[in-house]
C-alpha atoms as a PDB file:
ATOM      1  CA  MET A   1      11.762  39.092  46.023  1.00  0.00           C
ATOM      2  CA  GLU A   2       8.681  36.916  46.242  1.00  0.00           C
ATOM      3  CA  ILE A   3       9.357  35.724  49.212  1.00  0.00           C
ATOM      4  CA  LEU A   4      10.122  38.983  51.263  1.00  0.00           C
ATOM      5  CA  LEU A   5       7.208  40.063  49.839  1.00  0.00           C
ATOM      6  CA  ALA A   6       4.422  37.463  50.789  1.00  0.00           C
ATOM      7  CA  LEU A   7       6.006  37.763  54.353  1.00  0.00           C
ATOM      8  CA  ALA A   8       5.905  41.624  54.664  1.00  0.00           C
ATOM      9  CA  ALA A   9       2.038  41.162  53.507  1.00  0.00           C
ATOM     10  CA  ALA A  10       1.649  38.601  55.998  1.00  0.00           C
ATOM     11  CA  VAL A  11       2.738  40.433  58.630  1.00  0.00           C
ATOM     12  CA  ALA A  12       1.162  43.892  57.753  1.00  0.00           C
ATOM     13  CA  TYR A  13      -2.062  41.806  57.653  1.00  0.00           C
ATOM     14  CA  GLY A  14      -1.491  40.577  60.630  1.00  0.00           C
ATOM     15  CA  VAL A  15      -0.669  43.719  62.749  1.00  0.00           C
ATOM     16  CA  SER A  16      -3.408  45.359  60.958  1.00  0.00           C
ATOM     17  CA  ASP A  17      -5.796  42.816  62.150  1.00  0.00           C
ATOM     18  CA  PHE A  18      -4.346  43.064  65.280  1.00  0.00           C
ATOM     19  CA  ALA A  19      -4.437  46.490  65.949  1.00  0.00           C
ATOM     20  CA  GLY A  20      -7.955  47.022  64.316  1.00  0.00           C
ATOM     21  CA  GLY A  21      -8.808  44.242  66.865  1.00  0.00           C
ATOM     22  CA  VAL A  22      -7.622  46.347  69.909  1.00  0.00           C
ATOM     23  CA  LEU A  23      -8.645  49.887  68.284  1.00  0.00           C
ATOM     24  CA  THR A  24     -12.348  49.127  67.889  1.00  0.00           C
ATOM     25  CA  ARG A  25     -12.342  48.107  71.446  1.00  0.00           C
ATOM     26  CA  ARG A  26     -11.602  51.761  72.366  1.00  0.00           C
ATOM     27  CA  ALA A  27     -13.392  53.666  69.745  1.00  0.00           C
ATOM     28  CA  HIS A  28     -16.530  52.869  67.312  1.00  0.00           C
ATOM     29  CA  VAL A  29     -15.698  50.958  64.685  1.00  0.00           C
ATOM     30  CA  LEU A  30     -16.460  53.397  62.407  1.00  0.00           C
ATOM     31  CA  VAL A  31     -13.648  55.550  63.156  1.00  0.00           C
ATOM     32  CA  VAL A  32     -11.155  52.382  62.732  1.00  0.00           C
ATOM     33  CA  PHE A  33     -12.320  51.712  59.698  1.00  0.00           C
ATOM     34  CA  LEU A  34     -12.364  55.330  58.172  1.00  0.00           C
ATOM     35  CA  LEU A  35      -8.336  55.592  59.969  1.00  0.00           C
ATOM     36  CA  SER A  36      -7.582  52.173  58.487  1.00  0.00           C
ATOM     37  CA  GLN A  37      -8.654  53.594  54.995  1.00  0.00           C
ATOM     38  CA  LEU A  38      -6.686  56.666  55.349  1.00  0.00           C
ATOM     39  CA  VAL A  39      -3.308  54.882  56.722  1.00  0.00           C
ATOM     40  CA  SER A  40      -4.145  52.523  53.568  1.00  0.00           C
ATOM     41  CA  PHE A  41      -4.043  55.403  51.367  1.00  0.00           C
ATOM     42  CA  ALA A  42      -0.869  56.837  52.559  1.00  0.00           C
ATOM     43  CA  LEU A  43       0.834  53.851  52.159  1.00  0.00           C
ATOM     44  CA  LEU A  44      -0.274  53.530  48.961  1.00  0.00           C
ATOM     45  CA  LEU A  45       0.931  56.534  48.371  1.00  0.00           C
ATOM     46  CA  VAL A  46       4.418  56.219  49.577  1.00  0.00           C
ATOM     47  CA  VAL A  47       4.701  52.865  47.188  1.00  0.00           C
ATOM     48  CA  VAL A  48       3.368  54.559  44.023  1.00  0.00           C
ATOM     49  CA  ALA A  49       6.190  57.337  44.970  1.00  0.00           C
ATOM     50  CA  LEU A  50       8.991  54.691  45.144  1.00  0.00           C
ATOM     51  CA  TRP A  51       8.108  52.544  42.658  1.00  0.00           C
ATOM     52  CA  ALA A  52       6.336  54.483  40.300  1.00  0.00           C
ATOM     53  CA  ASP A  53       7.932  53.222  36.865  1.00  0.00           C
ATOM     54  CA  ALA A  54       6.289  49.515  38.355  1.00  0.00           C
ATOM     55  CA  VAL A  55       3.011  51.092  38.577  1.00  0.00           C
ATOM     56  CA  SER A  56       0.423  50.157  35.737  1.00  0.00           C
ATOM     57  CA  TRP A  57      -2.143  53.612  35.959  1.00  0.00           C
ATOM     58  CA  PRO A  58      -5.125  51.760  34.330  1.00  0.00           C
ATOM     59  CA  GLY A  59      -4.507  48.777  37.076  1.00  0.00           C
ATOM     60  CA  VAL A  60      -4.513  50.972  39.413  1.00  0.00           C
ATOM     61  CA  GLY A  61      -7.710  52.429  38.435  1.00  0.00           C
ATOM     62  CA  TRP A  62      -9.099  49.163  37.734  1.00  0.00           C
ATOM     63  CA  GLY A  63      -8.026  48.140  41.249  1.00  0.00           C
ATOM     64  CA  ALA A  64      -9.625  51.492  42.815  1.00  0.00           C
ATOM     65  CA  ALA A  65     -13.299  50.946  41.088  1.00  0.00           C
ATOM     66  CA  GLY A  66     -13.174  47.316  42.154  1.00  0.00           C
ATOM     67  CA  GLU A  67     -12.527  47.646  45.482  1.00  0.00           C
ATOM     68  CA  ARG A  68     -14.658  50.636  46.681  1.00  0.00           C
ATOM     69  CA  PRO A  69     -17.819  48.875  46.726  1.00  0.00           C
ATOM     70  CA  GLY A  70     -16.456  46.752  49.771  1.00  0.00           C
ATOM     71  CA  PRO A  71     -15.551  48.790  52.602  1.00  0.00           C
ATOM     72  CA  ALA A  72     -18.876  50.709  51.821  1.00  0.00           C
ATOM     73  CA  ALA A  73     -21.058  47.880  51.941  1.00  0.00           C
ATOM     74  CA  LEU A  74     -19.406  46.192  54.804  1.00  0.00           C
ATOM     75  CA  ALA A  75     -19.979  50.104  56.531  1.00  0.00           C
ATOM     76  CA  GLY A  76     -23.716  50.216  55.673  1.00  0.00           C
ATOM     77  CA  ILE A  77     -24.316  46.624  56.817  1.00  0.00           C
ATOM     78  CA  VAL A  78     -22.653  47.269  59.925  1.00  0.00           C
ATOM     79  CA  LEU A  79     -24.424  50.765  61.138  1.00  0.00           C
ATOM     80  CA  ARG A  80     -28.052  49.260  59.375  1.00  0.00           C
ATOM     81  CA  GLU A  81     -28.309  46.036  61.196  1.00  0.00           C
ATOM     82  CA  ARG A  82     -26.814  48.096  64.363  1.00  0.00           C
ATOM     83  CA  ILE A  83     -24.226  44.736  64.295  1.00  0.00           C
ATOM     84  CA  ALA A  84     -21.673  44.992  67.513  1.00  0.00           C
ATOM     85  CA  GLY A  85     -18.949  42.724  68.971  1.00  0.00           C
ATOM     86  CA  ARG A  86     -18.202  39.153  67.536  1.00  0.00           C
ATOM     87  CA  GLN A  87     -20.947  39.618  64.839  1.00  0.00           C
ATOM     88  CA  ALA A  88     -19.060  42.608  63.275  1.00  0.00           C
ATOM     89  CA  ALA A  89     -15.657  40.609  63.403  1.00  0.00           C
ATOM     90  CA  GLY A  90     -17.617  37.500  61.656  1.00  0.00           C
ATOM     91  CA  LEU A  91     -18.965  39.736  58.717  1.00  0.00           C
ATOM     92  CA  VAL A  92     -15.408  41.207  58.562  1.00  0.00           C
ATOM     93  CA  VAL A  93     -13.844  37.449  57.989  1.00  0.00           C
ATOM     94  CA  ALA A  94     -16.851  36.571  55.455  1.00  0.00           C
ATOM     95  CA  ALA A  95     -15.947  40.011  53.743  1.00  0.00           C
ATOM     96  CA  VAL A  96     -12.033  39.272  53.879  1.00  0.00           C
ATOM     97  CA  SER A  97     -12.672  35.835  52.857  1.00  0.00           C
ATOM     98  CA  VAL A  98     -14.667  36.416  49.688  1.00  0.00           C
ATOM     99  CA  GLU A  99     -11.977  38.706  48.772  1.00  0.00           C
ATOM    100  CA  LEU A 100      -9.782  36.361  48.959  1.00  0.00           C
ATOM    101  CA  ILE A 101     -11.929  33.660  47.206  1.00  0.00           C
ATOM    102  CA  ALA A 102     -12.215  36.109  44.276  1.00  0.00           C
ATOM    103  CA  LEU A 103      -8.642  36.652  43.905  1.00  0.00           C
ATOM    104  CA  GLY A 104      -7.801  33.360  43.597  1.00  0.00           C
END
């Protein structure tokens, strides 16, 4: 089961990364960012509805509280510095790297 979940996570990450790159060429980066957050939240609600007994609500609360500053800070940096193109992509890669290192 763990292998299937890891494979699903890798596929989802790859598809979302590709789709985000394609969509940012057609729409403003913040529109794509907000849309991705809404889709992620909708998927979270589906997962919680399917596996409600396996969800630790205090864990969900701590996860939500810990994750919210990251996207807001990223959006603030992009807006304030007027970062676009490759620089914005590099910033996203750096932010994801920091998150992955923090997760250990």
